[in-house]
Amino acid sequence: MTDLPDSIDATQALLSGAGYVAGRDLATVAFLALKLGRPLFLEGEAGVGKTEIAKALSAALGRRLIRLQCYEGLDAASAVYEWNFPAQMVAIRTAEAAGSADRDALTRELFSGDYLISRPLLEAMEPQEAGPPVLLIDELDRTDEPFEAFLLEALSDFAVTIPELGTVKAPEPPIVILTSNRTREVHDALKRRCLYHWVDYPSFDREMQIVTARAPEAAEALSREVVAFVQKLRTEDLFKKPGVAETIDWAKCLVALDAIELSPQVIADTLGAILKYQDDIQKLQGSEAKRILDEARAELA
């Protein structure tokens, strides 16, 4: 287990050591979240690296990463715990076959920790050998307001209540990272509990640093063309602009194809690595890809 960083520069170096290239603004808010024990709420487009910061902190600090993937209809029970119903039924039938008449004892046994299945929020409250874990609550905007209200209470006290067992309170608060792709607005009350940061698309220089760190096998000249093309592509009228994750994937795809530079044909053959909607891919058919490539190369020059 690594100690928490004691400065912004140390936080930036810590993330860099885990392969995450963070600007000083993001490193500052991450340092403050760690220092003050406050949840960190990250908003931004999909693929800009919000989830990766939780993974990087987990790896760099030697803490366990616990991920709660949000989805429509997620409720408190699914996020906290559930009872092992099949095992409980087996225990009931075994007790019946043995002729056990002590119902109270059987009930206490059935609703004990032996039959409890911990879900992410409860796991994050339990003691961990390596210290408080990193709790990633990913894509919170996919859930609804009732779950937000429950989460507000859980993050205020870092405790959850199980009616049959009582309240479980974290001995030390976990490191909490919440992310949102902003498909809807998250309630202000929850945001006020957190430190907030908008994760934007990176500049050319920072994206080059990221590609170099995450796809070091790509030649520098190819990486520069890839980043310049993607940066130019983001200025086009697309349904879904490519994120940093797509830039990295594309660079790796091109390396796998032994490409040494971009060409209209290579771009056409690999568009599925950076664009995920057919309408966007069709916009780059014909001369459009060459136009963007020419403009990107002109800016590089």
C-alpha atoms as a PDB file:
ATOM      1  CA  MET A   1       0.000   0.000   0.000  1.00  0.00           C
ATOM      2  CA  THR A   2       1.321   3.452  -0.959  1.00  0.00           C
ATOM      3  CA  ASP A   3       0.784   6.533   1.210  1.00  0.00           C
ATOM      4  CA  LEU A   4      -1.504   9.249  -0.106  1.00  0.00           C
ATOM      5  CA  PRO A   5       0.340  11.987  -2.024  1.00  0.00           C
ATOM      6  CA  ASP A   6       1.215  15.105  -0.024  1.00  0.00           C
ATOM      7  CA  SER A   7       1.094  17.647  -2.869  1.00  0.00           C
ATOM      8  CA  ILE A   8      -0.381  18.371  -6.283  1.00  0.00           C
ATOM      9  CA  ASP A   9       2.915  17.536  -7.980  1.00  0.00           C
ATOM     10  CA  ALA A  10       3.091  14.238  -6.088  1.00  0.00           C
ATOM     11  CA  THR A  11      -0.477  13.422  -7.173  1.00  0.00           C
ATOM     12  CA  GLN A  12       0.407  14.171 -10.794  1.00  0.00           C
ATOM     13  CA  ALA A  13       3.500  11.961 -10.530  1.00  0.00           C
ATOM     14  CA  LEU A  14       1.504   9.200  -8.819  1.00  0.00           C
ATOM     15  CA  LEU A  15      -1.039   9.113 -11.650  1.00  0.00           C
ATOM     16  CA  SER A  16       1.691   9.313 -14.258  1.00  0.00           C
ATOM     17  CA  GLY A  17       3.382   6.292 -12.709  1.00  0.00           C
ATOM     18  CA  ALA A  18       0.154   4.352 -13.256  1.00  0.00           C
ATOM     19  CA  GLY A  19       0.014   5.410 -16.921  1.00  0.00           C
ATOM     20  CA  TYR A  20      -2.531   8.228 -16.476  1.00  0.00           C
ATOM     21  CA  VAL A  21      -1.485  11.605 -17.908  1.00  0.00           C
ATOM     22  CA  ALA A  22      -3.328  14.237 -15.875  1.00  0.00           C
ATOM     23  CA  GLY A  23      -3.229  18.013 -16.265  1.00  0.00           C
ATOM     24  CA  ARG A  24      -2.550  20.146 -13.213  1.00  0.00           C
ATOM     25  CA  ASP A  25      -6.232  21.076 -12.870  1.00  0.00           C
ATOM     26  CA  LEU A  26      -7.306  17.434 -12.590  1.00  0.00           C
ATOM     27  CA  ALA A  27      -4.325  16.587 -10.357  1.00  0.00           C
ATOM     28  CA  THR A  28      -5.309  19.463  -8.051  1.00  0.00           C
ATOM     29  CA  VAL A  29      -8.893  18.319  -7.543  1.00  0.00           C
ATOM     30  CA  ALA A  30      -7.751  14.682  -7.149  1.00  0.00           C
ATOM     31  CA  PHE A  31      -5.220  15.746  -4.479  1.00  0.00           C
ATOM     32  CA  LEU A  32      -7.885  17.703  -2.602  1.00  0.00           C
ATOM     33  CA  ALA A  33     -10.345  14.790  -2.766  1.00  0.00           C
ATOM     34  CA  LEU A  34      -7.703  12.471  -1.279  1.00  0.00           C
ATOM     35  CA  LYS A  35      -6.543  15.024   1.289  1.00  0.00           C
ATOM     36  CA  LEU A  36     -10.019  16.002   2.510  1.00  0.00           C
ATOM     37  CA  GLY A  37     -11.660  12.576   2.131  1.00  0.00           C
ATOM     38  CA  ARG A  38     -14.304  13.973  -0.207  1.00  0.00           C
ATOM     39  CA  PRO A  39     -15.912  12.110  -3.127  1.00  0.00           C
ATOM     40  CA  LEU A  40     -14.693  13.251  -6.551  1.00  0.00           C
ATOM     41  CA  PHE A  41     -17.393  13.808  -9.177  1.00  0.00           C
ATOM     42  CA  LEU A  42     -16.112  13.712 -12.773  1.00  0.00           C
ATOM     43  CA  GLU A  43     -18.281  14.758 -15.707  1.00  0.00           C
ATOM     44  CA  GLY A  44     -17.446  14.749 -19.398  1.00  0.00           C
ATOM     45  CA  GLU A  45     -17.976  13.040 -22.721  1.00  0.00           C
ATOM     46  CA  ALA A  46     -17.616   9.269 -22.945  1.00  0.00           C
ATOM     47  CA  GLY A  47     -14.059   8.101 -23.518  1.00  0.00           C
ATOM     48  CA  VAL A  48     -12.159  11.071 -22.065  1.00  0.00           C
ATOM     49  CA  GLY A  49     -10.634   9.112 -19.169  1.00  0.00           C
ATOM     50  CA  LYS A  50     -13.043   9.527 -16.236  1.00  0.00           C
ATOM     51  CA  THR A  51     -13.167   5.835 -15.355  1.00  0.00           C
ATOM     52  CA  GLU A  52      -9.433   5.421 -15.915  1.00  0.00           C
ATOM     53  CA  ILE A  53      -8.520   7.811 -13.099  1.00  0.00           C
ATOM     54  CA  ALA A  54     -10.162   5.475 -10.573  1.00  0.00           C
ATOM     55  CA  LYS A  55      -8.235   2.529 -12.017  1.00  0.00           C
ATOM     56  CA  ALA A  56      -5.009   4.542 -11.929  1.00  0.00           C
ATOM     57  CA  LEU A  57      -5.520   5.587  -8.293  1.00  0.00           C
ATOM     58  CA  SER A  58      -6.285   1.998  -7.327  1.00  0.00           C
ATOM     59  CA  ALA A  59      -3.132   0.705  -9.010  1.00  0.00           C
ATOM     60  CA  ALA A  60      -0.887   3.526  -7.811  1.00  0.00           C
ATOM     61  CA  LEU A  61      -2.042   3.392  -4.172  1.00  0.00           C
ATOM     62  CA  GLY A  62      -2.240  -0.398  -3.994  1.00  0.00           C
ATOM     63  CA  ARG A  63      -5.904  -0.239  -2.980  1.00  0.00           C
ATOM     64  CA  ARG A  64      -8.693  -2.529  -4.091  1.00  0.00           C
ATOM     65  CA  LEU A  65     -10.925  -1.154  -6.862  1.00  0.00           C
ATOM     66  CA  ILE A  66     -14.652  -1.741  -6.273  1.00  0.00           C
ATOM     67  CA  ARG A  67     -16.827  -0.749  -9.229  1.00  0.00           C
ATOM     68  CA  LEU A  68     -20.549  -0.061  -9.180  1.00  0.00           C
ATOM     69  CA  GLN A  69     -21.678   0.092 -12.806  1.00  0.00           C
ATOM     70  CA  CYS A  70     -24.876   2.130 -12.895  1.00  0.00           C
ATOM     71  CA  TYR A  71     -27.815   1.365 -15.161  1.00  0.00           C
ATOM     72  CA  GLU A  72     -31.466   2.310 -15.524  1.00  0.00           C
ATOM     73  CA  GLY A  73     -33.530   0.694 -12.767  1.00  0.00           C
ATOM     74  CA  LEU A  74     -30.596   0.180 -10.364  1.00  0.00           C
ATOM     75  CA  ASP A  75     -31.957   0.141  -6.817  1.00  0.00           C
ATOM     76  CA  ALA A  76     -30.433   0.260  -3.365  1.00  0.00           C
ATOM     77  CA  ALA A  77     -30.771  -3.491  -2.806  1.00  0.00           C
ATOM     78  CA  SER A  78     -28.796  -4.334  -5.947  1.00  0.00           C
ATOM     79  CA  ALA A  79     -26.086  -1.836  -5.034  1.00  0.00           C
ATOM     80  CA  VAL A  80     -25.744  -2.779  -1.350  1.00  0.00           C
ATOM     81  CA  TYR A  81     -26.530  -6.439  -0.672  1.00  0.00           C
ATOM     82  CA  GLU A  82     -28.835  -9.374  -1.276  1.00  0.00           C
ATOM     83  CA  TRP A  83     -29.583 -12.594   0.548  1.00  0.00           C
ATOM     84  CA  ASN A  84     -28.417 -15.911  -0.876  1.00  0.00           C
ATOM     85  CA  PHE A  85     -31.927 -17.240  -1.444  1.00  0.00           C
ATOM     86  CA  PRO A  86     -30.963 -20.662  -2.922  1.00  0.00           C
ATOM     87  CA  ALA A  87     -28.651 -21.373   0.033  1.00  0.00           C
ATOM     88  CA  GLN A  88     -31.374 -20.268   2.463  1.00  0.00           C
ATOM     89  CA  MET A  89     -33.852 -22.674   0.849  1.00  0.00           C
ATOM     90  CA  VAL A  90     -31.365 -25.529   1.165  1.00  0.00           C
ATOM     91  CA  ALA A  91     -30.860 -24.697   4.858  1.00  0.00           C
ATOM     92  CA  ILE A  92     -34.634 -24.647   5.442  1.00  0.00           C
ATOM     93  CA  ARG A  93     -35.132 -28.031   3.782  1.00  0.00           C
ATOM     94  CA  THR A  94     -32.189 -29.490   5.689  1.00  0.00           C
ATOM     95  CA  ALA A  95     -33.679 -28.246   8.961  1.00  0.00           C
ATOM     96  CA  GLU A  96     -37.083 -29.689   8.050  1.00  0.00           C
ATOM     97  CA  ALA A  97     -35.555 -33.054   7.194  1.00  0.00           C
ATOM     98  CA  ALA A  98     -33.697 -33.080  10.523  1.00  0.00           C
ATOM     99  CA  GLY A  99     -36.923 -32.256  12.360  1.00  0.00           C
ATOM    100  CA  SER A 100     -35.607 -29.004  13.811  1.00  0.00           C
ATOM    101  CA  ALA A 101     -38.348 -27.136  15.692  1.00  0.00           C
ATOM    102  CA  ASP A 102     -36.407 -24.031  16.795  1.00  0.00           C
ATOM    103  CA  ARG A 103     -37.731 -21.520  14.260  1.00  0.00           C
ATOM    104  CA  ASP A 104     -36.123 -18.503  15.940  1.00  0.00           C
ATOM    105  CA  ALA A 105     -32.672 -20.063  15.800  1.00  0.00           C
ATOM    106  CA  LEU A 106     -33.205 -21.017  12.165  1.00  0.00           C
ATOM    107  CA  THR A 107     -34.310 -17.475  11.315  1.00  0.00           C
ATOM    108  CA  ARG A 108     -31.248 -15.984  13.020  1.00  0.00           C
ATOM    109  CA  GLU A 109     -29.024 -18.374  11.074  1.00  0.00           C
ATOM    110  CA  LEU A 110     -30.701 -17.661   7.718  1.00  0.00           C
ATOM    111  CA  PHE A 111     -30.291 -13.901   8.124  1.00  0.00           C
ATOM    112  CA  SER A 112     -26.714 -13.950   9.337  1.00  0.00           C
ATOM    113  CA  GLY A 113     -23.569 -12.916   7.522  1.00  0.00           C
ATOM    114  CA  ASP A 114     -23.127 -16.479   6.236  1.00  0.00           C
ATOM    115  CA  TYR A 115     -25.993 -15.969   3.774  1.00  0.00           C
ATOM    116  CA  LEU A 116     -25.295 -12.344   2.915  1.00  0.00           C
ATOM    117  CA  ILE A 117     -23.990 -11.466  -0.556  1.00  0.00           C
ATOM    118  CA  SER A 118     -22.197  -8.108  -0.448  1.00  0.00           C
ATOM    119  CA  ARG A 119     -22.627  -5.763  -3.390  1.00  0.00           C
ATOM    120  CA  PRO A 120     -20.268  -2.849  -4.222  1.00  0.00           C
ATOM    121  CA  LEU A 121     -21.494  -0.266  -1.694  1.00  0.00           C
ATOM    122  CA  LEU A 122     -21.410  -2.712   1.214  1.00  0.00           C
ATOM    123  CA  GLU A 123     -18.029  -4.091   0.108  1.00  0.00           C
ATOM    124  CA  ALA A 124     -16.618  -0.554   0.108  1.00  0.00           C
ATOM    125  CA  MET A 125     -17.747  -0.068   3.727  1.00  0.00           C
ATOM    126  CA  GLU A 126     -16.092  -3.265   4.971  1.00  0.00           C
ATOM    127  CA  PRO A 127     -12.500  -3.258   6.332  1.00  0.00           C
ATOM    128  CA  GLN A 128      -9.841  -3.992   3.715  1.00  0.00           C
ATOM    129  CA  GLU A 129      -6.343  -5.316   4.400  1.00  0.00           C
ATOM    130  CA  ALA A 130      -4.688  -2.768   2.088  1.00  0.00           C
ATOM    131  CA  GLY A 131      -6.649   0.176   3.463  1.00  0.00           C
ATOM    132  CA  PRO A 132      -9.829   1.927   2.296  1.00  0.00           C
ATOM    133  CA  PRO A 133     -10.654   0.842  -1.269  1.00  0.00           C
ATOM    134  CA  VAL A 134     -11.312   2.981  -4.321  1.00  0.00           C
ATOM    135  CA  LEU A 135     -15.069   2.951  -4.935  1.00  0.00           C
ATOM    136  CA  LEU A 136     -15.940   3.773  -8.540  1.00  0.00           C
ATOM    137  CA  ILE A 137     -19.599   4.689  -9.097  1.00  0.00           C
ATOM    138  CA  ASP A 138     -19.573   4.687 -12.879  1.00  0.00           C
ATOM    139  CA  GLU A 139     -22.052   6.480 -15.188  1.00  0.00           C
ATOM    140  CA  LEU A 140     -24.302   7.760 -12.399  1.00  0.00           C
ATOM    141  CA  ASP A 141     -26.415   9.627 -14.959  1.00  0.00           C
ATOM    142  CA  ARG A 142     -27.875   6.270 -16.083  1.00  0.00           C
ATOM    143  CA  THR A 143     -29.736   5.845 -12.774  1.00  0.00           C
ATOM    144  CA  ASP A 144     -32.825   7.682 -11.517  1.00  0.00           C
ATOM    145  CA  GLU A 145     -33.477  10.206  -8.740  1.00  0.00           C
ATOM    146  CA  PRO A 146     -34.535   7.724  -6.002  1.00  0.00           C
ATOM    147  CA  PHE A 147     -31.153   6.000  -6.260  1.00  0.00           C
ATOM    148  CA  GLU A 148     -29.406   9.379  -6.147  1.00  0.00           C
ATOM    149  CA  ALA A 149     -31.269  10.181  -2.926  1.00  0.00           C
ATOM    150  CA  PHE A 150     -30.154   6.888  -1.388  1.00  0.00           C
ATOM    151  CA  LEU A 151     -26.575   7.470  -2.518  1.00  0.00           C
ATOM    152  CA  LEU A 152     -26.633  10.952  -0.996  1.00  0.00           C
ATOM    153  CA  GLU A 153     -27.308   9.437   2.427  1.00  0.00           C
ATOM    154  CA  ALA A 154     -24.767   6.636   1.992  1.00  0.00           C
ATOM    155  CA  LEU A 155     -21.989   9.052   0.986  1.00  0.00           C
ATOM    156  CA  SER A 156     -22.834  11.479   3.795  1.00  0.00           C
ATOM    157  CA  ASP A 157     -22.220   8.966   6.591  1.00  0.00           C
ATOM    158  CA  PHE A 158     -20.286   6.279   4.688  1.00  0.00           C
ATOM    159  CA  ALA A 159     -22.672   3.762   6.211  1.00  0.00           C
ATOM    160  CA  VAL A 160     -25.421   1.441   4.970  1.00  0.00           C
ATOM    161  CA  THR A 161     -28.214  -0.227   6.930  1.00  0.00           C
ATOM    162  CA  ILE A 162     -29.227  -3.885   6.660  1.00  0.00           C
ATOM    163  CA  PRO A 163     -32.547  -4.297   8.507  1.00  0.00           C
ATOM    164  CA  GLU A 164     -31.763  -7.842   9.671  1.00  0.00           C
ATOM    165  CA  LEU A 165     -28.205  -7.069  10.825  1.00  0.00           C
ATOM    166  CA  GLY A 166     -28.058  -3.349  11.586  1.00  0.00           C
ATOM    167  CA  THR A 167     -25.856  -0.531  10.305  1.00  0.00           C
ATOM    168  CA  VAL A 168     -22.486  -1.164   8.699  1.00  0.00           C
ATOM    169  CA  LYS A 169     -20.213   1.877   8.920  1.00  0.00           C
ATOM    170  CA  ALA A 170     -16.863   2.153   7.171  1.00  0.00           C
ATOM    171  CA  PRO A 171     -13.974   2.266   9.685  1.00  0.00           C
ATOM    172  CA  GLU A 172     -12.288   4.618   7.197  1.00  0.00           C
ATOM    173  CA  PRO A 173     -14.111   6.306   4.291  1.00  0.00           C
ATOM    174  CA  PRO A 174     -13.349   4.764   0.890  1.00  0.00           C
ATOM    175  CA  ILE A 175     -11.875   6.855  -1.898  1.00  0.00           C
ATOM    176  CA  VAL A 176     -14.998   7.609  -3.948  1.00  0.00           C
ATOM    177  CA  ILE A 177     -14.968   8.503  -7.650  1.00  0.00           C
ATOM    178  CA  LEU A 178     -18.302   9.212  -9.365  1.00  0.00           C
ATOM    179  CA  THR A 179     -18.548   9.644 -13.133  1.00  0.00           C
ATOM    180  CA  SER A 180     -21.253  10.960 -15.439  1.00  0.00           C
ATOM    181  CA  ASN A 181     -21.481  11.268 -19.223  1.00  0.00           C
ATOM    182  CA  ARG A 182     -24.099  14.000 -18.654  1.00  0.00           C
ATOM    183  CA  THR A 183     -26.922  12.259 -20.505  1.00  0.00           C
ATOM    184  CA  ARG A 184     -29.013  13.951 -17.813  1.00  0.00           C
ATOM    185  CA  GLU A 185     -28.312  16.380 -14.993  1.00  0.00           C
ATOM    186  CA  VAL A 186     -27.356  14.891 -11.635  1.00  0.00           C
ATOM    187  CA  HIS A 187     -29.081  16.542  -8.673  1.00  0.00           C
ATOM    188  CA  ASP A 188     -27.269  19.479  -7.071  1.00  0.00           C
ATOM    189  CA  ALA A 189     -27.574  17.975  -3.583  1.00  0.00           C
ATOM    190  CA  LEU A 190     -25.352  15.085  -4.591  1.00  0.00           C
ATOM    191  CA  LYS A 191     -22.867  17.314  -6.405  1.00  0.00           C
ATOM    192  CA  ARG A 192     -22.528  19.477  -3.278  1.00  0.00           C
ATOM    193  CA  ARG A 193     -21.238  16.454  -1.373  1.00  0.00           C
ATOM    194  CA  CYS A 194     -18.404  16.115  -3.883  1.00  0.00           C
ATOM    195  CA  LEU A 195     -15.504  17.979  -5.393  1.00  0.00           C
ATOM    196  CA  TYR A 196     -16.346  18.537  -9.071  1.00  0.00           C
ATOM    197  CA  HIS A 197     -14.285  18.483 -12.249  1.00  0.00           C
ATOM    198  CA  TRP A 198     -15.213  18.579 -15.922  1.00  0.00           C
ATOM    199  CA  VAL A 199     -12.938  16.259 -17.909  1.00  0.00           C
ATOM    200  CA  ASP A 200     -12.606  17.736 -21.398  1.00  0.00           C
ATOM    201  CA  TYR A 201     -10.960  16.448 -24.548  1.00  0.00           C
ATOM    202  CA  PRO A 202      -7.198  16.945 -24.167  1.00  0.00           C
ATOM    203  CA  SER A 203      -5.010  19.318 -26.134  1.00  0.00           C
ATOM    204  CA  PHE A 204      -2.801  17.948 -28.910  1.00  0.00           C
ATOM    205  CA  ASP A 205       0.297  17.815 -26.669  1.00  0.00           C
ATOM    206  CA  ARG A 206      -1.510  16.064 -23.813  1.00  0.00           C
ATOM    207  CA  GLU A 207      -3.164  13.563 -26.127  1.00  0.00           C
ATOM    208  CA  MET A 208       0.250  12.798 -27.606  1.00  0.00           C
ATOM    209  CA  GLN A 209       1.539  12.122 -24.092  1.00  0.00           C
ATOM    210  CA  ILE A 210      -1.413   9.811 -23.450  1.00  0.00           C
ATOM    211  CA  VAL A 211      -0.945   7.850 -26.687  1.00  0.00           C
ATOM    212  CA  THR A 212       2.788   7.576 -26.020  1.00  0.00           C
ATOM    213  CA  ALA A 213       2.076   6.213 -22.528  1.00  0.00           C
ATOM    214  CA  ARG A 214      -0.732   3.834 -23.509  1.00  0.00           C
ATOM    215  CA  ALA A 215       0.430   2.763 -26.993  1.00  0.00           C
ATOM    216  CA  PRO A 216       4.237   3.032 -26.807  1.00  0.00           C
ATOM    217  CA  GLU A 217       4.643   0.572 -29.685  1.00  0.00           C
ATOM    218  CA  ALA A 218       3.322   3.171 -32.147  1.00  0.00           C
ATOM    219  CA  ALA A 219       6.033   5.201 -33.916  1.00  0.00           C
ATOM    220  CA  GLU A 220       6.072   8.897 -33.020  1.00  0.00           C
ATOM    221  CA  ALA A 221       5.337  10.038 -36.597  1.00  0.00           C
ATOM    222  CA  LEU A 222       2.302   7.753 -36.807  1.00  0.00           C
ATOM    223  CA  SER A 223       1.092   8.822 -33.358  1.00  0.00           C
ATOM    224  CA  ARG A 224       1.323  12.486 -34.342  1.00  0.00           C
ATOM    225  CA  GLU A 225      -0.768  11.882 -37.468  1.00  0.00           C
ATOM    226  CA  VAL A 226      -3.318   9.844 -35.510  1.00  0.00           C
ATOM    227  CA  VAL A 227      -3.722  12.492 -32.804  1.00  0.00           C
ATOM    228  CA  ALA A 228      -3.866  15.351 -35.330  1.00  0.00           C
ATOM    229  CA  PHE A 229      -6.498  13.515 -37.389  1.00  0.00           C
ATOM    230  CA  VAL A 230      -8.660  12.716 -34.349  1.00  0.00           C
ATOM    231  CA  GLN A 231      -8.354  16.279 -33.051  1.00  0.00           C
ATOM    232  CA  LYS A 232      -9.487  17.554 -36.445  1.00  0.00           C
ATOM    233  CA  LEU A 233     -12.263  14.945 -36.558  1.00  0.00           C
ATOM    234  CA  ARG A 234     -13.705  16.290 -33.301  1.00  0.00           C
ATOM    235  CA  THR A 235     -14.401  19.623 -35.007  1.00  0.00           C
ATOM    236  CA  GLU A 236     -16.662  17.900 -37.550  1.00  0.00           C
ATOM    237  CA  ASP A 237     -20.437  17.574 -37.186  1.00  0.00           C
ATOM    238  CA  LEU A 238     -20.592  14.025 -35.817  1.00  0.00           C
ATOM    239  CA  PHE A 239     -23.220  12.214 -33.755  1.00  0.00           C
ATOM    240  CA  LYS A 240     -20.498  10.867 -31.410  1.00  0.00           C
ATOM    241  CA  LYS A 241     -17.054  12.409 -31.409  1.00  0.00           C
ATOM    242  CA  PRO A 242     -14.177   9.999 -30.747  1.00  0.00           C
ATOM    243  CA  GLY A 243     -12.763  10.050 -27.239  1.00  0.00           C
ATOM    244  CA  VAL A 244      -9.219   9.477 -26.053  1.00  0.00           C
ATOM    245  CA  ALA A 245     -10.007   5.779 -25.651  1.00  0.00           C
ATOM    246  CA  GLU A 246     -10.752   5.597 -29.383  1.00  0.00           C
ATOM    247  CA  THR A 247      -7.500   7.417 -30.219  1.00  0.00           C
ATOM    248  CA  ILE A 248      -5.535   4.805 -28.257  1.00  0.00           C
ATOM    249  CA  ASP A 249      -7.479   1.921 -29.828  1.00  0.00           C
ATOM    250  CA  TRP A 250      -6.897   3.299 -33.325  1.00  0.00           C
ATOM    251  CA  ALA A 251      -3.159   3.695 -32.768  1.00  0.00           C
ATOM    252  CA  LYS A 252      -2.958   0.077 -31.602  1.00  0.00           C
ATOM    253  CA  CYS A 253      -5.001  -1.104 -34.597  1.00  0.00           C
ATOM    254  CA  LEU A 254      -2.686   0.707 -37.008  1.00  0.00           C
ATOM    255  CA  VAL A 255       0.365  -0.822 -35.354  1.00  0.00           C
ATOM    256  CA  ALA A 256      -1.221  -4.264 -35.681  1.00  0.00           C
ATOM    257  CA  LEU A 257      -1.652  -3.578 -39.421  1.00  0.00           C
ATOM    258  CA  ASP A 258       2.001  -2.487 -39.711  1.00  0.00           C
ATOM    259  CA  ALA A 259       0.903   0.944 -40.928  1.00  0.00           C
ATOM    260  CA  ILE A 260       3.662   3.535 -40.908  1.00  0.00           C
ATOM    261  CA  GLU A 261       1.498   6.518 -41.869  1.00  0.00           C
ATOM    262  CA  LEU A 262      -2.117   7.421 -42.491  1.00  0.00           C
ATOM    263  CA  SER A 263      -3.664   7.253 -45.937  1.00  0.00           C
ATOM    264  CA  PRO A 264      -7.290   7.584 -47.123  1.00  0.00           C
ATOM    265  CA  GLN A 265      -7.408   3.812 -47.695  1.00  0.00           C
ATOM    266  CA  VAL A 266      -6.017   2.943 -44.264  1.00  0.00           C
ATOM    267  CA  ILE A 267      -8.452   5.383 -42.655  1.00  0.00           C
ATOM    268  CA  ALA A 268     -11.411   3.897 -44.551  1.00  0.00           C
ATOM    269  CA  ASP A 269     -10.390   0.377 -43.513  1.00  0.00           C
ATOM    270  CA  THR A 270     -10.121   1.224 -39.799  1.00  0.00           C
ATOM    271  CA  LEU A 271     -12.849   3.808 -39.194  1.00  0.00           C
ATOM    272  CA  GLY A 272     -14.663   1.349 -36.932  1.00  0.00           C
ATOM    273  CA  ALA A 273     -11.924   1.852 -34.349  1.00  0.00           C
ATOM    274  CA  ILE A 274     -12.712   5.550 -33.864  1.00  0.00           C
ATOM    275  CA  LEU A 275     -16.334   5.978 -34.989  1.00  0.00           C
ATOM    276  CA  LYS A 276     -19.152   3.856 -33.572  1.00  0.00           C
ATOM    277  CA  TYR A 277     -22.139   5.023 -35.615  1.00  0.00           C
ATOM    278  CA  GLN A 278     -22.762   4.187 -39.260  1.00  0.00           C
ATOM    279  CA  ASP A 279     -24.003   7.708 -40.048  1.00  0.00           C
ATOM    280  CA  ASP A 280     -20.681   9.140 -38.835  1.00  0.00           C
ATOM    281  CA  ILE A 281     -18.705   6.563 -40.835  1.00  0.00           C
ATOM    282  CA  GLN A 282     -20.653   7.398 -43.998  1.00  0.00           C
ATOM    283  CA  LYS A 283     -19.762  11.081 -43.598  1.00  0.00           C
ATOM    284  CA  LEU A 284     -16.100  10.178 -43.958  1.00  0.00           C
ATOM    285  CA  GLN A 285     -16.496   8.138 -47.108  1.00  0.00           C
ATOM    286  CA  GLY A 286     -15.000   9.349 -50.376  1.00  0.00           C
ATOM    287  CA  SER A 287     -12.938  12.507 -50.281  1.00  0.00           C
ATOM    288  CA  GLU A 288     -13.898  13.604 -46.745  1.00  0.00           C
ATOM    289  CA  ALA A 289     -11.253  11.470 -45.042  1.00  0.00           C
ATOM    290  CA  LYS A 290      -8.573  12.819 -47.407  1.00  0.00           C
ATOM    291  CA  ARG A 291      -9.685  16.413 -46.752  1.00  0.00           C
ATOM    292  CA  ILE A 292      -9.428  15.967 -42.972  1.00  0.00           C
ATOM    293  CA  LEU A 293      -6.093  14.167 -43.317  1.00  0.00           C
ATOM    294  CA  ASP A 294      -4.704  16.955 -45.511  1.00  0.00           C
ATOM    295  CA  GLU A 295      -5.856  19.602 -43.023  1.00  0.00           C
ATOM    296  CA  ALA A 296      -4.362  17.663 -40.115  1.00  0.00           C
ATOM    297  CA  ARG A 297      -1.022  17.301 -41.892  1.00  0.00           C
ATOM    298  CA  ALA A 298      -1.038  21.008 -42.785  1.00  0.00           C
ATOM    299  CA  GLU A 299      -1.463  21.892 -39.112  1.00  0.00           C
ATOM    300  CA  LEU A 300       1.316  19.498 -38.142  1.00  0.00           C
ATOM    301  CA  ALA A 301       3.599  21.101 -40.702  1.00  0.00           C
END
